[in-house]
Amino acid sequence: MDSDVIILGGGLVGATLALALVRHGLTACVVDPADPAVTLAPGFDGRASAVASASGRMLDAIGLGDRLQGLGCPINAIRVSDGLRAGALDFVPDASDGALGTMYENCVLRRSFHEAASAAPGLTLRMKTRATAVARTAGGVTATLTDGTTVRAPLLIAAEGRNSPTREAAGIRVARWRYDHAAIVGAFHHERPHGQVAFEIFYPAGPFALLPLLDDADGHRSAIVWTVDADAGPAMLKLSDRAFLHEAEKRMGGLLGRLSGASSRATYPLGFHHAARVTAERLALVGDAAHGIHPIAGQGLNLGFRDVAALTEVLVEGKRLGLDLGDAQLLVRYERWRGLDTFAVAFATDSLTRLFGIPGRTASAVRRFGIAAVNAIPPLKNRFMAEARGESGALPKLLQGVPV
């Protein structure tokens, strides 16, 4: 079987890349070990993601907008505060600019992307399948799969996540460290409406983020990303729903009233990793295979979508010029385009994590001064809003909502 690209990993980033490529006339084979019966099971699993407005434009441009219509909650404002102290930084765009982004339950994104991929001409899905052997040579890429299929393509793309075996096999070095923190993710109902506002409340142990979800039959809902000390993560999962909601209410200071209806919860360790390079011979890395950041600004998935937009533009233009899609010069262009942007975002989120994690009244006073300063300086505030929208740097065409 021949294809233009082989994509190892069919998660949110891998599936989006495949859909973007076939939308522009390329062919893609996606190989993923996941069982759709598990990943597409009905019901909310407690995980949700913010899709920045620029990323949303890309999803519209590749035909996913109609499938997602009405399934996410717009983020019309972001409020940032240092604990529950007075003084907050409010990011509120002009009405003509539209929402900063949209919150989706991950299960909604997975189902929508899988349905689109299953129906897309030129896209072959190999689920519950792994590559048992991969050969990257000057002449192309050959992958032997567990179902006995042999797939050939000029380019291999690794979208396998932070522990990418393909990246390791390619000998690509990774800078990484742990924050000694864990994130608790889940959702709950609350008494007062969230008003489509996302709240980021910073504590020394890490940020406490409240992210608006669509209301359901039981009332108002928000997702939560609660950063705690690493050794507290397992204990937080063992709390009864009542005890968990009580602790969350204390962190929120009654912001949304009484809490109820806790969803299932999960915890994962927080860390940073950044690949020294995102390409090798006939290989490109995207998403968490290339970089992983703290969820402090909710940009992890959007960084992966920016990889998708850039790599799609590079490959589609290369195909039109009749170039080999594994050509080193094409991969150099992708490397240069994404290298600086991902490092800048990673550095910024790491710096914010360390700044807001410094305990003590003096550090708190400095943070509140900084919040007030950003609030009072429109150009600086607008720069932060551009980052939240995913509109900084040299934007690929798809992030502008324009087909390549």
Protein backbone atom coordinates (compact mmCIF):
# COMPACT_ATOMS: atom_id res chain seq x y z
CA MET A 1 0.00 0.00 0.00
CA ASP A 2 1.36 3.43 -0.96
CA SER A 3 0.50 6.78 0.64
CA ASP A 4 1.86 10.32 0.67
CA VAL A 5 2.44 10.18 4.43
CA ILE A 6 2.32 7.63 7.23
CA ILE A 7 1.12 9.12 10.51
CA LEU A 8 1.87 7.12 13.66
CA GLY A 9 -0.73 8.18 16.22
CA GLY A 10 -4.36 9.04 15.59
CA GLY A 11 -5.10 11.26 18.56
CA LEU A 12 -6.42 14.80 18.26
CA VAL A 13 -3.28 16.17 16.58
CA GLY A 14 -2.59 13.15 14.36
CA ALA A 15 -6.20 12.96 13.16
CA THR A 16 -6.33 16.71 12.47
CA LEU A 17 -3.14 16.53 10.42
CA ALA A 18 -4.48 13.64 8.37
CA LEU A 19 -7.75 15.48 7.70
CA ALA A 20 -5.91 18.67 6.75
CA LEU A 21 -3.69 16.83 4.28
CA VAL A 22 -6.41 14.84 2.55
CA ARG A 23 -8.54 18.00 2.36
CA HIS A 24 -5.78 19.38 0.12
CA GLY A 25 -5.52 16.33 -2.11
CA LEU A 26 -2.79 14.30 -0.37
CA THR A 27 -3.24 10.76 0.93
CA ALA A 28 -2.54 9.63 4.48
CA CYS A 29 -2.37 6.36 6.38
CA VAL A 30 -2.98 6.73 10.12
CA VAL A 31 -1.72 3.93 12.35
CA ASP A 32 -3.01 3.95 15.93
CA PRO A 33 -3.04 1.24 18.63
CA ALA A 34 -6.11 2.70 20.38
CA ASP A 35 -9.37 0.78 20.50
CA PRO A 36 -12.24 3.00 19.24
CA ALA A 37 -14.64 1.13 21.51
CA VAL A 38 -12.73 2.67 24.42
CA THR A 39 -11.71 6.09 23.11
CA LEU A 40 -15.12 6.79 21.57
CA ALA A 41 -17.23 5.41 24.41
CA PRO A 42 -20.24 7.61 25.23
CA GLY A 43 -20.13 9.80 28.31
CA PHE A 44 -17.83 12.53 29.59
CA ASP A 45 -14.49 11.30 30.93
CA GLY A 46 -13.63 14.55 32.74
CA ARG A 47 -11.17 15.84 30.14
CA ALA A 48 -11.74 19.03 28.17
CA SER A 49 -9.60 21.26 25.95
CA ALA A 50 -9.54 24.91 24.97
CA VAL A 51 -9.34 25.40 21.21
CA ALA A 52 -7.96 28.89 20.51
CA SER A 53 -9.78 31.03 17.95
CA ALA A 54 -6.97 30.60 15.37
CA SER A 55 -7.12 26.82 15.80
CA GLY A 56 -10.88 27.03 15.39
CA ARG A 57 -10.43 28.77 12.06
CA MET A 58 -8.23 25.90 10.92
CA LEU A 59 -10.84 23.32 11.94
CA ASP A 60 -13.40 25.29 9.92
CA ALA A 61 -11.07 25.43 6.91
CA ILE A 62 -10.58 21.65 6.83
CA GLY A 63 -14.29 20.88 7.11
CA LEU A 64 -14.65 20.11 10.81
CA GLY A 65 -16.53 23.26 11.75
CA ASP A 66 -19.97 21.90 10.84
CA ARG A 67 -19.39 18.75 12.88
CA LEU A 68 -18.44 20.81 15.94
CA GLN A 69 -21.18 23.42 15.57
CA GLY A 70 -22.94 23.95 18.89
CA LEU A 71 -20.86 21.31 20.71
CA GLY A 72 -18.47 23.70 22.48
CA CYS A 73 -18.75 26.62 24.87
CA PRO A 74 -17.24 29.94 23.70
CA ILE A 75 -14.64 31.59 25.94
CA ASN A 76 -15.63 35.24 25.82
CA ALA A 77 -13.26 36.42 28.56
CA ILE A 78 -10.40 35.24 30.76
CA ARG A 79 -9.92 36.47 34.34
CA VAL A 80 -6.51 36.02 35.97
CA SER A 81 -5.88 36.59 39.69
CA ASP A 82 -3.24 35.94 42.34
CA GLY A 83 -5.19 33.76 44.74
CA LEU A 84 -8.43 35.34 45.93
CA ARG A 85 -6.85 38.71 46.60
CA ALA A 86 -8.32 41.90 45.20
CA GLY A 87 -7.19 42.90 41.74
CA ALA A 88 -7.55 40.77 38.63
CA LEU A 89 -6.51 40.88 35.01
CA ASP A 90 -9.49 40.63 32.66
CA PHE A 91 -8.98 39.74 29.02
CA VAL A 92 -12.16 40.81 27.25
CA PRO A 93 -11.96 41.15 23.46
CA ASP A 94 -13.99 43.68 21.49
CA ALA A 95 -17.38 42.34 20.45
CA SER A 96 -16.31 42.47 16.79
CA ASP A 97 -13.32 40.20 17.48
CA GLY A 98 -15.36 37.19 18.57
CA ALA A 99 -14.53 34.68 21.29
CA LEU A 100 -10.97 34.00 22.47
CA GLY A 101 -11.56 30.30 21.94
CA THR A 102 -13.96 27.44 22.59
CA MET A 103 -14.03 24.76 25.29
CA TYR A 104 -14.81 21.23 24.11
CA GLU A 105 -15.08 17.98 25.97
CA ASN A 106 -12.27 15.80 24.63
CA CYS A 107 -14.71 12.98 23.96
CA VAL A 108 -16.65 15.31 21.63
CA LEU A 109 -13.49 16.18 19.71
CA ARG A 110 -12.40 12.54 19.47
CA ARG A 111 -15.77 11.38 18.13
CA SER A 112 -16.08 14.24 15.64
CA PHE A 113 -12.54 13.75 14.31
CA HIS A 114 -12.90 9.97 14.09
CA GLU A 115 -16.19 10.23 12.18
CA ALA A 116 -14.65 12.72 9.76
CA ALA A 117 -11.53 10.58 9.29
CA SER A 118 -13.57 7.43 8.67
CA ALA A 119 -15.48 9.18 5.88
CA ALA A 120 -12.60 11.13 4.28
CA PRO A 121 -11.45 10.03 0.80
CA GLY A 122 -7.71 9.44 0.68
CA LEU A 123 -7.44 8.69 4.41
CA THR A 124 -6.81 5.14 5.58
CA LEU A 125 -7.34 4.39 9.29
CA ARG A 126 -5.55 1.42 10.81
CA MET A 127 -6.92 1.29 14.36
CA LYS A 128 -5.84 -1.24 17.02
CA THR A 129 -2.66 -1.51 14.97
CA ARG A 130 1.02 -0.77 15.53
CA ALA A 131 4.07 -0.53 13.33
CA THR A 132 6.27 -3.50 14.14
CA ALA A 133 9.11 -2.33 11.90
CA VAL A 134 9.88 0.99 10.25
CA ALA A 135 12.67 1.62 7.76
CA ARG A 136 13.57 5.19 6.81
CA THR A 137 16.04 5.30 3.94
CA ALA A 138 17.11 7.75 1.26
CA GLY A 139 14.53 6.17 -1.03
CA GLY A 140 11.49 6.40 1.27
CA VAL A 141 9.75 4.96 4.32
CA THR A 142 8.43 1.41 4.70
CA ALA A 143 6.33 0.38 7.71
CA THR A 144 5.23 -3.15 8.52
CA LEU A 145 2.06 -3.22 10.62
CA THR A 146 0.75 -5.77 13.12
CA ASP A 147 -2.15 -6.60 10.79
CA GLY A 148 0.36 -7.79 8.20
CA THR A 149 0.07 -4.73 5.96
CA THR A 150 3.14 -3.04 4.48
CA VAL A 151 2.78 0.70 3.94
CA ARG A 152 5.16 2.83 1.89
CA ALA A 153 5.42 6.63 1.81
CA PRO A 154 8.01 9.35 1.27
CA LEU A 155 7.47 10.75 4.79
CA LEU A 156 6.81 9.42 8.30
CA ILE A 157 5.10 11.66 10.86
CA ALA A 158 5.23 10.87 14.57
CA ALA A 159 2.15 11.99 16.52
CA GLU A 160 2.50 9.40 19.27
CA GLY A 161 2.57 11.68 22.28
CA ARG A 162 5.21 12.66 24.80
CA ASN A 163 6.79 9.19 25.01
CA SER A 164 7.12 8.82 21.23
CA PRO A 165 9.10 5.64 20.45
CA THR A 166 9.73 6.92 16.91
CA ARG A 167 11.43 10.04 18.25
CA GLU A 168 13.58 7.90 20.53
CA ALA A 169 14.49 5.52 17.71
CA ALA A 170 15.57 8.50 15.61
CA GLY A 171 18.01 9.54 18.35
CA ILE A 172 16.43 12.96 18.81
CA ARG A 173 17.43 14.38 22.17
CA VAL A 174 14.82 15.86 24.48
CA ALA A 175 15.20 18.44 27.23
CA ARG A 176 12.79 17.56 30.03
CA TRP A 177 12.04 18.16 33.67
CA ARG A 178 9.28 17.59 36.18
CA TYR A 179 7.56 20.34 38.17
CA ASP A 180 6.89 18.15 41.23
CA HIS A 181 3.23 18.95 40.63
CA ALA A 182 0.25 17.00 39.38
CA ALA A 183 -2.90 18.19 37.62
CA ILE A 184 -6.34 17.07 38.72
CA VAL A 185 -8.80 17.25 35.83
CA GLY A 186 -12.55 16.85 35.87
CA ALA A 187 -15.76 18.87 35.86
CA PHE A 188 -18.74 19.74 38.04
CA HIS A 189 -22.00 21.64 38.11
CA HIS A 190 -22.28 24.97 39.90
CA GLU A 191 -25.00 27.22 41.21
CA ARG A 192 -24.20 30.40 39.29
CA PRO A 193 -23.65 30.75 35.52
CA HIS A 194 -20.05 31.11 34.40
CA GLY A 195 -20.94 33.76 31.81
CA GLN A 196 -18.57 32.06 29.32
CA VAL A 197 -15.62 33.30 31.38
CA ALA A 198 -12.50 31.21 32.07
CA PHE A 199 -10.87 31.80 35.45
CA GLU A 200 -7.19 31.26 36.23
CA ILE A 201 -6.53 31.56 39.97
CA PHE A 202 -2.87 31.26 40.92
CA TYR A 203 -1.74 29.63 44.16
CA PRO A 204 1.84 28.76 45.23
CA ALA A 205 1.15 25.08 44.46
CA GLY A 206 0.08 26.06 40.94
CA PRO A 207 -2.86 27.41 38.97
CA PHE A 208 -6.48 26.53 39.63
CA ALA A 209 -8.29 26.90 36.31
CA LEU A 210 -12.05 26.96 35.79
CA LEU A 211 -13.05 26.51 32.17
CA PRO A 212 -16.62 27.05 30.92
CA LEU A 213 -18.54 24.13 29.47
CA LEU A 214 -21.98 24.04 27.88
CA ASP A 215 -24.81 23.79 30.35
CA ASP A 216 -26.71 20.50 30.38
CA ALA A 217 -30.04 19.31 31.75
CA ASP A 218 -28.66 19.44 35.29
CA GLY A 219 -27.47 23.05 35.12
CA HIS A 220 -24.29 25.10 34.75
CA ARG A 221 -20.98 23.30 34.21
CA SER A 222 -17.27 24.03 34.22
CA ALA A 223 -14.17 21.94 33.73
CA ILE A 224 -11.30 22.17 36.18
CA VAL A 225 -7.53 21.86 35.92
CA TRP A 226 -6.28 21.96 39.50
CA THR A 227 -2.53 21.91 40.09
CA VAL A 228 -1.46 20.29 43.37
CA ASP A 229 1.78 19.02 44.88
CA ALA A 230 2.73 15.75 43.20
CA ASP A 231 2.34 13.67 46.35
CA ALA A 232 -1.19 15.05 46.88
CA GLY A 233 -2.52 13.85 43.53
CA PRO A 234 -3.45 10.27 44.53
CA ALA A 235 -5.05 11.50 47.75
CA MET A 236 -7.20 13.98 45.83
CA LEU A 237 -8.53 11.17 43.65
CA LYS A 238 -9.47 9.13 46.73
CA LEU A 239 -11.62 11.92 48.19
CA SER A 240 -15.37 11.41 48.06
CA ASP A 241 -17.19 13.65 45.59
CA ARG A 242 -18.56 15.66 48.49
CA ALA A 243 -15.11 16.23 50.02
CA PHE A 244 -13.59 17.05 46.64
CA LEU A 245 -16.26 19.63 45.87
CA HIS A 246 -15.83 21.14 49.34
CA GLU A 247 -12.10 21.61 48.73
CA ALA A 248 -12.77 23.08 45.28
CA GLU A 249 -15.30 25.52 46.72
CA LYS A 250 -12.67 26.79 49.16
CA ARG A 251 -10.20 27.43 46.32
CA MET A 252 -12.90 29.27 44.40
CA GLY A 253 -14.03 31.47 47.28
CA GLY A 254 -17.68 31.00 46.35
CA LEU A 255 -17.03 32.35 42.86
CA LEU A 256 -19.69 30.19 41.18
CA GLY A 257 -21.75 29.31 44.26
CA ARG A 258 -22.37 25.80 45.50
CA LEU A 259 -20.84 22.91 43.54
CA SER A 260 -22.45 19.56 42.75
CA GLY A 261 -22.37 16.66 40.33
CA ALA A 262 -18.63 15.96 40.15
CA SER A 263 -17.55 14.06 37.06
CA SER A 264 -14.96 11.32 37.01
CA ARG A 265 -11.52 12.69 37.87
CA ALA A 266 -8.02 11.91 36.66
CA THR A 267 -4.54 13.04 37.60
CA TYR A 268 -1.30 13.23 35.66
CA PRO A 269 2.19 14.46 36.53
CA LEU A 270 3.21 17.85 35.15
CA GLY A 271 6.42 18.29 33.25
CA PHE A 272 8.17 20.05 30.43
CA HIS A 273 9.81 18.51 27.40
CA HIS A 274 11.14 19.97 24.20
CA ALA A 275 12.77 18.03 21.36
CA ALA A 276 16.12 19.39 20.20
CA ARG A 277 14.79 19.16 16.64
CA VAL A 278 11.46 18.18 15.11
CA THR A 279 12.76 16.50 11.96
CA ALA A 280 15.16 13.76 10.92
CA GLU A 281 15.64 11.81 7.70
CA ARG A 282 12.13 11.46 6.21
CA LEU A 283 10.61 12.13 9.64
CA ALA A 284 8.64 15.00 11.21
CA LEU A 285 7.37 15.29 14.78
CA VAL A 286 4.08 16.96 15.70
CA GLY A 287 2.21 17.62 18.94
CA ASP A 288 3.43 16.13 22.19
CA ALA A 289 6.02 14.06 20.33
CA ALA A 290 7.80 17.38 19.72
CA HIS A 291 6.96 19.40 22.83
CA GLY A 292 5.05 19.33 26.09
CA ILE A 293 4.32 22.31 28.33
CA HIS A 294 2.62 23.14 31.62
CA PRO A 295 -1.17 23.60 31.20
CA ILE A 296 -0.89 27.05 32.84
CA ALA A 297 -2.06 28.84 29.67
CA GLY A 298 -4.07 26.04 28.06
CA GLN A 299 -1.88 26.08 24.94
CA GLY A 300 -0.70 22.46 24.74
CA LEU A 301 -3.24 21.23 22.17
CA ASN A 302 -3.07 24.52 20.28
CA LEU A 303 0.71 24.17 19.89
CA GLY A 304 0.01 20.82 18.24
CA PHE A 305 -2.56 22.44 15.96
CA ARG A 306 0.03 25.04 14.98
CA ASP A 307 2.36 22.17 14.03
CA VAL A 308 -0.44 20.76 11.88
CA ALA A 309 -1.05 24.06 10.09
CA ALA A 310 2.63 24.65 9.36
CA LEU A 311 3.42 21.10 8.24
CA THR A 312 0.32 20.97 6.04
CA GLU A 313 1.33 24.19 4.29
CA VAL A 314 4.88 22.95 3.74
CA LEU A 315 3.79 19.57 2.36
CA VAL A 316 0.93 20.84 0.20
CA GLU A 317 3.12 23.48 -1.43
CA GLY A 318 5.90 20.91 -1.89
CA LYS A 319 3.47 18.50 -3.57
CA ARG A 320 2.31 21.24 -5.96
CA LEU A 321 5.91 21.87 -6.93
CA GLY A 322 6.43 18.18 -7.60
CA LEU A 323 8.91 17.74 -4.76
CA ASP A 324 9.55 14.55 -2.83
CA LEU A 325 7.56 15.02 0.42
CA GLY A 326 10.50 13.66 2.37
CA ASP A 327 12.88 16.18 0.78
CA ALA A 328 15.31 17.60 3.31
CA GLN A 329 14.64 21.18 2.24
CA LEU A 330 10.92 20.83 2.94
CA LEU A 331 11.67 19.47 6.38
CA VAL A 332 14.13 22.29 7.04
CA ARG A 333 11.36 24.79 6.33
CA TYR A 334 9.07 23.05 8.83
CA GLU A 335 11.89 22.88 11.40
CA ARG A 336 12.61 26.60 11.15
CA TRP A 337 8.96 27.58 11.18
CA ARG A 338 8.08 25.63 14.31
CA GLY A 339 11.35 25.65 16.23
CA LEU A 340 11.31 29.26 17.40
CA ASP A 341 7.56 29.43 18.06
CA THR A 342 7.40 26.30 20.19
CA PHE A 343 10.46 27.30 22.19
CA ALA A 344 9.07 30.80 22.82
CA VAL A 345 5.72 29.46 24.08
CA ALA A 346 7.44 26.78 26.15
CA PHE A 347 9.80 29.32 27.72
CA ALA A 348 6.93 31.71 28.50
CA THR A 349 4.76 29.07 30.18
CA ASP A 350 7.70 27.71 32.16
CA SER A 351 8.58 31.23 33.35
CA LEU A 352 4.98 31.93 34.39
CA THR A 353 4.83 28.62 36.25
CA ARG A 354 7.95 29.47 38.24
CA LEU A 355 6.95 33.10 38.86
CA PHE A 356 3.51 32.27 40.22
CA GLY A 357 4.89 29.38 42.25
CA ILE A 358 7.11 31.58 44.46
CA PRO A 359 5.59 31.70 47.96
CA GLY A 360 5.49 34.68 50.28
CA ARG A 361 3.91 38.11 50.54
CA THR A 362 6.65 39.90 48.63
CA ALA A 363 6.33 37.58 45.63
CA SER A 364 2.55 37.95 45.77
CA ALA A 365 2.86 41.75 45.79
CA VAL A 366 5.15 41.61 42.75
CA ARG A 367 2.67 39.39 40.90
CA ARG A 368 -0.24 41.69 41.69
CA PHE A 369 1.80 44.66 40.53
CA GLY A 370 2.50 42.87 37.26
CA ILE A 371 -1.17 41.99 36.82
CA ALA A 372 -2.15 45.62 37.40
CA ALA A 373 0.51 46.83 34.97
CA VAL A 374 -0.67 44.54 32.17
CA ASN A 375 -4.25 45.61 32.86
CA ALA A 376 -3.27 49.27 32.50
CA ILE A 377 -1.18 49.00 29.32
CA PRO A 378 -3.42 48.25 26.29
CA PRO A 379 -0.64 47.18 23.86
CA LEU A 380 0.74 44.70 26.39
CA LYS A 381 -2.72 43.41 27.20
CA ASN A 382 -3.50 43.01 23.51
CA ARG A 383 -0.30 41.00 23.07
CA PHE A 384 -1.42 38.58 25.77
CA MET A 385 -4.84 38.28 24.12
CA ALA A 386 -3.17 37.54 20.78
CA GLU A 387 -1.23 34.73 22.47
CA ALA A 388 -4.44 33.36 23.97
CA ARG A 389 -6.05 33.38 20.52
CA GLY A 390 -3.03 31.62 19.00
CA GLU A 391 -2.44 34.54 16.67
CA SER A 392 1.17 35.42 17.44
CA GLY A 393 4.11 34.88 15.11
CA ALA A 394 4.07 33.98 11.41
CA LEU A 395 0.67 32.31 11.08
CA PRO A 396 0.23 29.51 8.56
CA LYS A 397 -2.69 30.01 6.18
CA LEU A 398 -4.92 27.45 7.89
CA LEU A 399 -4.72 29.37 11.18
CA GLN A 400 -5.96 32.38 9.27
CA GLY A 401 -8.90 30.33 8.04
CA VAL A 402 -7.53 30.20 4.48
CA PRO A 403 -6.97 26.91 2.60
CA VAL A 404 -3.38 26.38 1.50
